[in-house]
Structures are given as C-alpha cells and as structure tokens.
Amino acid sequence: MPEKFVVDSESVRGLAKLLEETGLTEIEYQMGTQRIRVVRGTTSESYTHYHPSTPPHSSPIPPSQQGETSVLSVSQGETITSPMVGTVYLAMEPGGVPFIKVGDLVKKGDTLLIVEAMKVMNPIRAAREGKVLEICAQDTKPVEFGEALVILE
C-alpha cells in the first residue's frame, strides 16, 4: 500500500514565503518519497506567453547567469547584450505597444524587452539611465548569448 502523503501547511507557507523573498516563480522540496512543489501565480509583473510560428532556440542557463545582463562599452554608447539564448519580444503581447522606441529615455530598472528561454519570459531591464540609440534585436527573432539587444547613450 502506498504511503499516505500528509501536507504540512507550515512547510508550504515557508516555501511560498521563500518564493516571494527570492523572486523565484517555482520551488520544489523533496524528502524521501514525498515531494512538494509550489508555483507562484500570475502577478502584475507576469508576462503573457505567446508562441511565434518558429519555436524558440534555447539552452539551459546556469543559475549564476540567470537574470544577468551583459554590457559591452562601445564608442557610440553602451550595448546591452543577451544574457541567454532565446527569442526576443519587444512588446508585452503580439501587436502591442513596444516597451521602448529609439530616442526614449529609460531609467534604471525599466524593461527594455523580453527574452523567452525555455518557455520562461525573462525581462531585460536597463542597468542605468540612458537614451535608446538603437534596438538591435528584432521582435520574435532568436538571439544568442552575448548578442547585442539595445544600445544606450
């Protein structure tokens, strides 16, 4: 007879609190044959997932690189590069208003675009204030790790 699974509500609350504190969207805990998985529901920060006609090119991202944005200095400005392999989305939804346009002034933390990797929407945020000089990435097109996305003045 299979072992009866007893849910410890304090453990679930603790895992949910850990999700909130760390910004993770999902956490799983296993002890012996029992396993608890907690997934954070949608919030105002969540992004609508949509599939373009071509599937995304993605590969696993080491935890040390998740959410990091690489920056290269160039004479005309600062190039924001992709921290992962994925598909670029310039707007929240197909046909929607783009997050940024050339000439926009952005503040530190503003979302510049989204890179979808392994069905997860990863917002790429401005690391500093600046003016958008160029948007190098194209909507719904694949990008490689280190590929130029946006150039800020």
Protein backbone atom coordinates (compact mmCIF):
# COMPACT_ATOMS: atom_id res chain seq x y z
CA MET A 1 0.00 0.00 0.00
CA PRO A 2 1.43 3.42 -0.95
CA GLU A 3 2.49 5.74 1.83
CA LYS A 4 -0.12 8.40 2.65
CA PHE A 5 1.05 11.91 1.84
CA VAL A 6 0.41 14.44 4.60
CA VAL A 7 0.64 18.11 3.63
CA ASP A 8 2.39 20.26 6.19
CA SER A 9 0.79 23.68 5.70
CA GLU A 10 3.67 25.41 7.52
CA SER A 11 6.15 23.95 5.02
CA VAL A 12 4.02 25.14 2.11
CA ARG A 13 3.75 28.63 3.65
CA GLY A 14 7.51 28.68 4.22
CA LEU A 15 8.20 27.71 0.61
CA ALA A 16 5.73 30.34 -0.64
CA LYS A 17 7.46 32.98 1.52
CA LEU A 18 10.83 31.89 0.12
CA LEU A 19 9.45 32.33 -3.42
CA GLU A 20 8.35 35.86 -2.59
CA GLU A 21 11.63 36.81 -0.90
CA THR A 22 13.85 35.48 -3.68
CA GLY A 23 11.74 36.44 -6.69
CA LEU A 24 11.63 32.83 -7.88
CA THR A 25 8.49 31.61 -9.63
CA GLU A 26 8.73 27.96 -8.66
CA ILE A 27 10.30 25.85 -5.92
CA GLU A 28 10.31 22.14 -5.22
CA TYR A 29 11.18 20.32 -1.99
CA GLN A 30 11.60 16.57 -1.64
CA MET A 31 12.11 14.45 1.45
CA GLY A 32 12.19 10.73 0.85
CA THR A 33 9.30 9.81 -1.42
CA GLN A 34 7.28 12.91 -0.60
CA ARG A 35 7.61 15.99 -2.76
CA ILE A 36 6.07 19.48 -2.53
CA ARG A 37 6.12 21.89 -5.47
CA VAL A 38 4.98 25.50 -5.04
CA VAL A 39 4.46 27.73 -8.07
CA ARG A 40 3.80 31.43 -7.74
CA GLY A 41 0.64 32.57 -9.54
CA THR A 42 0.50 35.38 -12.06
CA THR A 43 1.12 38.91 -10.84
CA SER A 44 1.27 42.30 -12.46
CA GLU A 45 4.94 41.54 -13.26
CA SER A 46 4.00 38.40 -15.21
CA TYR A 47 4.11 38.38 -18.96
CA THR A 48 1.62 36.81 -21.32
CA HIS A 49 3.29 33.92 -23.09
CA TYR A 50 2.74 33.63 -26.79
CA HIS A 51 4.26 31.33 -29.36
CA PRO A 52 5.60 32.70 -32.62
CA SER A 53 5.40 30.49 -35.68
CA THR A 54 9.02 29.43 -35.14
CA PRO A 55 9.97 27.64 -31.91
CA PRO A 56 12.49 29.35 -29.64
CA HIS A 57 16.10 28.25 -29.69
CA SER A 58 17.06 27.75 -26.08
CA SER A 59 19.53 26.02 -23.85
CA PRO A 60 19.73 25.68 -20.07
CA ILE A 61 21.14 28.73 -18.32
CA PRO A 62 23.47 28.22 -15.37
CA PRO A 63 21.94 29.73 -12.20
CA SER A 64 24.89 32.12 -11.94
CA GLN A 65 23.89 33.72 -15.27
CA GLN A 66 20.11 33.85 -14.89
CA GLY A 67 18.78 37.39 -14.90
CA GLU A 68 22.17 38.96 -15.54
CA THR A 69 22.58 41.34 -18.45
CA SER A 70 25.96 41.61 -20.11
CA VAL A 71 27.08 45.10 -21.09
CA LEU A 72 29.80 45.99 -23.63
CA SER A 73 31.14 49.52 -23.92
CA VAL A 74 31.36 50.91 -27.44
CA SER A 75 32.27 54.37 -28.67
CA GLN A 76 28.66 55.31 -29.59
CA GLY A 77 27.12 54.07 -26.34
CA GLU A 78 26.66 51.06 -24.15
CA THR A 79 25.47 47.80 -25.70
CA ILE A 80 23.08 45.67 -23.68
CA THR A 81 23.63 42.06 -24.69
CA SER A 82 21.50 38.97 -24.23
CA PRO A 83 22.28 37.01 -21.06
CA MET A 84 20.85 33.85 -22.66
CA VAL A 85 19.82 32.09 -25.84
CA GLY A 86 16.15 32.67 -26.59
CA THR A 87 13.52 34.57 -28.53
CA VAL A 88 13.15 38.35 -28.28
CA TYR A 89 9.81 40.07 -27.73
CA LEU A 90 9.73 43.86 -27.97
CA ALA A 91 6.18 44.16 -26.57
CA MET A 92 4.08 42.51 -23.86
CA GLU A 93 1.85 40.84 -26.46
CA PRO A 94 1.75 40.40 -30.25
CA GLY A 95 0.96 43.73 -31.90
CA GLY A 96 1.19 45.51 -28.55
CA VAL A 97 2.95 48.75 -27.73
CA PRO A 98 6.73 48.17 -27.63
CA PHE A 99 8.49 48.57 -24.28
CA ILE A 100 10.92 51.09 -25.83
CA LYS A 101 11.49 53.08 -29.03
CA VAL A 102 14.65 54.69 -30.40
CA GLY A 103 15.01 58.06 -28.68
CA ASP A 104 13.22 57.02 -25.47
CA LEU A 105 14.82 57.95 -22.16
CA VAL A 106 14.90 54.94 -19.86
CA LYS A 107 15.52 54.75 -16.13
CA LYS A 108 17.43 52.09 -14.24
CA GLY A 109 15.15 49.06 -13.89
CA ASP A 110 12.90 49.86 -16.88
CA THR A 111 12.04 46.81 -19.00
CA LEU A 112 13.70 47.13 -22.41
CA LEU A 113 12.43 43.87 -23.92
CA ILE A 114 11.81 40.23 -23.06
CA VAL A 115 13.92 37.20 -23.91
CA GLU A 116 11.96 33.96 -23.78
CA ALA A 117 14.08 30.95 -22.86
CA MET A 118 12.65 27.51 -22.19
CA LYS A 119 9.10 28.92 -22.06
CA VAL A 120 10.06 31.46 -19.38
CA MET A 121 9.71 35.19 -20.08
CA ASN A 122 12.85 36.98 -18.85
CA PRO A 123 12.57 40.77 -18.74
CA ILE A 124 15.78 42.53 -19.76
CA ARG A 125 16.00 45.69 -17.69
CA ALA A 126 18.10 48.83 -18.02
CA ALA A 127 21.11 48.74 -15.69
CA ARG A 128 21.25 52.55 -15.72
CA GLU A 129 19.53 55.64 -17.07
CA GLY A 130 20.09 56.46 -20.70
CA LYS A 131 18.68 57.28 -24.13
CA VAL A 132 17.87 54.42 -26.51
CA LEU A 133 20.16 54.88 -29.52
CA GLU A 134 19.39 51.62 -31.30
CA ILE A 135 17.27 48.50 -30.89
CA CYS A 136 19.44 45.76 -32.40
CA ALA A 137 17.08 42.84 -31.76
CA GLN A 138 14.01 42.10 -33.87
CA ASP A 139 10.64 41.07 -32.44
CA THR A 140 10.03 37.28 -32.35
CA LYS A 141 13.54 36.54 -33.67
CA PRO A 142 16.02 34.23 -31.94
CA VAL A 143 19.07 35.66 -30.16
CA GLU A 144 22.27 34.06 -28.99
CA PHE A 145 24.07 34.53 -25.68
CA GLY A 146 26.05 37.79 -25.85
CA GLU A 147 24.21 39.11 -28.93
CA ALA A 148 23.54 42.87 -28.95
CA LEU A 149 19.95 43.76 -27.97
CA VAL A 150 19.89 47.52 -27.31
CA ILE A 151 22.40 50.38 -27.39
CA LEU A 152 22.01 53.10 -24.74
CA GLU A 153 23.68 56.51 -24.89
